[in-house]
């Protein structure tokens, strides 16, 4: 599985990029398990606002490719996706 996450912005204007092949990563299995628990169809709609960090996460698993866009707006709907970003930060 390949995970690509890019995002940031907000007041700081800083951007981050994570590009992980789970087969070659020590935390790969944990990341895959987390991704399988997330529902790409239920991702929250991105909030509007220049001060809100925005993320785009793309997951490729064989021929399947899924992308979700969300904002770090503090909503309960964005919380699972934010936990994925935190996990990527901690394992990069």
C-alpha atoms as a PDB file:
ATOM      1  CA  UNK A   1       0.000   0.000   0.000  1.00  0.00           C
ATOM      2  CA  UNK A   2       1.237   3.480  -0.794  1.00  0.00           C
ATOM      3  CA  UNK A   3       0.171   6.529   1.229  1.00  0.00           C
ATOM      4  CA  UNK A   4       0.681  10.081   0.045  1.00  0.00           C
ATOM      5  CA  UNK A   5      -0.449  12.937   2.266  1.00  0.00           C
ATOM      6  CA  UNK A   6       0.182  16.585   1.574  1.00  0.00           C
ATOM      7  CA  UNK A   7      -1.170  19.551   3.364  1.00  0.00           C
ATOM      8  CA  UNK A   8      -0.825  22.367   5.760  1.00  0.00           C
ATOM      9  CA  UNK A   9      -1.359  26.047   5.392  1.00  0.00           C
ATOM     10  CA  UNK A  10      -3.263  28.006   7.957  1.00  0.00           C
ATOM     11  CA  UNK A  11      -1.657  30.982   9.644  1.00  0.00           C
ATOM     12  CA  UNK A  12       1.804  29.403   9.620  1.00  0.00           C
ATOM     13  CA  UNK A  13       1.724  28.721   5.894  1.00  0.00           C
ATOM     14  CA  UNK A  14       3.869  25.610   6.416  1.00  0.00           C
ATOM     15  CA  UNK A  15       3.240  22.534   4.304  1.00  0.00           C
ATOM     16  CA  UNK A  16       4.104  18.903   4.939  1.00  0.00           C
ATOM     17  CA  UNK A  17       4.406  15.919   2.634  1.00  0.00           C
ATOM     18  CA  UNK A  18       4.382  12.267   3.630  1.00  0.00           C
ATOM     19  CA  UNK A  19       5.032   9.560   1.050  1.00  0.00           C
ATOM     20  CA  UNK A  20       5.070   6.085   2.580  1.00  0.00           C
ATOM     21  CA  UNK A  21       5.215   2.579   1.140  1.00  0.00           C
ATOM     22  CA  UNK A  22       3.748   0.471   3.937  1.00  0.00           C
ATOM     23  CA  UNK A  23       5.493  -2.688   2.707  1.00  0.00           C
ATOM     24  CA  UNK A  24       8.872  -1.094   3.401  1.00  0.00           C
ATOM     25  CA  UNK A  25       7.986   0.860   6.538  1.00  0.00           C
ATOM     26  CA  UNK A  26       8.387  -0.368  10.115  1.00  0.00           C
ATOM     27  CA  UNK A  27       4.925   0.929  11.074  1.00  0.00           C
ATOM     28  CA  UNK A  28       3.392  -0.151   7.766  1.00  0.00           C
ATOM     29  CA  UNK A  29       0.982  -2.737   9.153  1.00  0.00           C
ATOM     30  CA  UNK A  30      -0.315  -0.326  11.815  1.00  0.00           C
ATOM     31  CA  UNK A  31      -0.860   2.357   9.179  1.00  0.00           C
ATOM     32  CA  UNK A  32      -2.731  -0.104   6.968  1.00  0.00           C
ATOM     33  CA  UNK A  33      -4.939  -1.135   9.891  1.00  0.00           C
ATOM     34  CA  UNK A  34      -5.726   2.510  10.638  1.00  0.00           C
ATOM     35  CA  UNK A  35      -6.579   3.183   6.992  1.00  0.00           C
ATOM     36  CA  UNK A  36      -8.875   0.161   6.839  1.00  0.00           C
ATOM     37  CA  UNK A  37     -10.789   1.580   9.819  1.00  0.00           C
ATOM     38  CA  UNK A  38     -11.419   4.901   8.032  1.00  0.00           C
ATOM     39  CA  UNK A  39     -14.336   5.400   5.665  1.00  0.00           C
ATOM     40  CA  UNK A  40     -13.277   7.359   2.605  1.00  0.00           C
ATOM     41  CA  UNK A  41     -16.933   7.791   1.664  1.00  0.00           C
ATOM     42  CA  UNK A  42     -17.696   9.492   4.950  1.00  0.00           C
ATOM     43  CA  UNK A  43     -14.890  12.049   4.925  1.00  0.00           C
ATOM     44  CA  UNK A  44     -16.038  15.445   6.117  1.00  0.00           C
ATOM     45  CA  UNK A  45     -16.495  18.211   3.569  1.00  0.00           C
ATOM     46  CA  UNK A  46     -13.574  20.633   3.733  1.00  0.00           C
ATOM     47  CA  UNK A  47     -14.268  23.758   5.764  1.00  0.00           C
ATOM     48  CA  UNK A  48     -13.776  27.075   4.055  1.00  0.00           C
ATOM     49  CA  UNK A  49     -11.240  29.502   5.443  1.00  0.00           C
ATOM     50  CA  UNK A  50      -7.737  30.608   4.577  1.00  0.00           C
ATOM     51  CA  UNK A  51      -6.594  30.019   8.163  1.00  0.00           C
ATOM     52  CA  UNK A  52      -7.624  26.338   8.270  1.00  0.00           C
ATOM     53  CA  UNK A  53      -4.955  23.776   7.334  1.00  0.00           C
ATOM     54  CA  UNK A  54      -6.107  21.538   4.468  1.00  0.00           C
ATOM     55  CA  UNK A  55      -4.975  17.971   3.662  1.00  0.00           C
ATOM     56  CA  UNK A  56      -5.185  15.668   0.669  1.00  0.00           C
ATOM     57  CA  UNK A  57      -4.560  11.989   1.375  1.00  0.00           C
ATOM     58  CA  UNK A  58      -4.246   9.464  -1.453  1.00  0.00           C
ATOM     59  CA  UNK A  59      -3.985   5.737  -0.827  1.00  0.00           C
ATOM     60  CA  UNK A  60      -3.055   3.278  -3.573  1.00  0.00           C
ATOM     61  CA  UNK A  61      -3.588  -0.394  -2.864  1.00  0.00           C
ATOM     62  CA  UNK A  62      -2.984  -2.491  -5.957  1.00  0.00           C
ATOM     63  CA  UNK A  63      -5.263  -1.085  -8.647  1.00  0.00           C
ATOM     64  CA  UNK A  64      -7.466   0.729  -6.127  1.00  0.00           C
ATOM     65  CA  UNK A  65      -6.817   4.439  -5.573  1.00  0.00           C
ATOM     66  CA  UNK A  66      -8.748   6.565  -3.092  1.00  0.00           C
ATOM     67  CA  UNK A  67      -8.330  10.220  -2.214  1.00  0.00           C
ATOM     68  CA  UNK A  68      -9.843  12.269   0.566  1.00  0.00           C
ATOM     69  CA  UNK A  69      -9.565  15.990   1.252  1.00  0.00           C
ATOM     70  CA  UNK A  70     -10.253  17.379   4.707  1.00  0.00           C
ATOM     71  CA  UNK A  71      -9.450  20.372   6.861  1.00  0.00           C
ATOM     72  CA  UNK A  72      -8.113  20.490  10.399  1.00  0.00           C
ATOM     73  CA  UNK A  73     -11.202  22.320  11.596  1.00  0.00           C
ATOM     74  CA  UNK A  74     -11.505  20.572  14.961  1.00  0.00           C
ATOM     75  CA  UNK A  75     -14.725  18.807  14.016  1.00  0.00           C
ATOM     76  CA  UNK A  76     -15.555  15.312  15.187  1.00  0.00           C
ATOM     77  CA  UNK A  77     -15.842  14.216  11.543  1.00  0.00           C
ATOM     78  CA  UNK A  78     -12.248  15.300  10.805  1.00  0.00           C
ATOM     79  CA  UNK A  79     -10.795  13.734  13.977  1.00  0.00           C
ATOM     80  CA  UNK A  80     -10.133  10.240  12.519  1.00  0.00           C
ATOM     81  CA  UNK A  81      -8.345  11.757   9.531  1.00  0.00           C
ATOM     82  CA  UNK A  82      -6.363  14.065  11.786  1.00  0.00           C
ATOM     83  CA  UNK A  83      -5.267  10.990  13.789  1.00  0.00           C
ATOM     84  CA  UNK A  84      -3.925   9.512  10.541  1.00  0.00           C
ATOM     85  CA  UNK A  85      -1.867  12.667   9.926  1.00  0.00           C
ATOM     86  CA  UNK A  86      -0.521  12.551  13.486  1.00  0.00           C
ATOM     87  CA  UNK A  87       0.420   8.898  13.021  1.00  0.00           C
ATOM     88  CA  UNK A  88       2.222   9.749   9.766  1.00  0.00           C
ATOM     89  CA  UNK A  89       4.109  12.558  11.523  1.00  0.00           C
ATOM     90  CA  UNK A  90       5.160  10.236  14.333  1.00  0.00           C
ATOM     91  CA  UNK A  91       6.333   7.434  12.050  1.00  0.00           C
ATOM     92  CA  UNK A  92       8.045   9.456   9.318  1.00  0.00           C
END
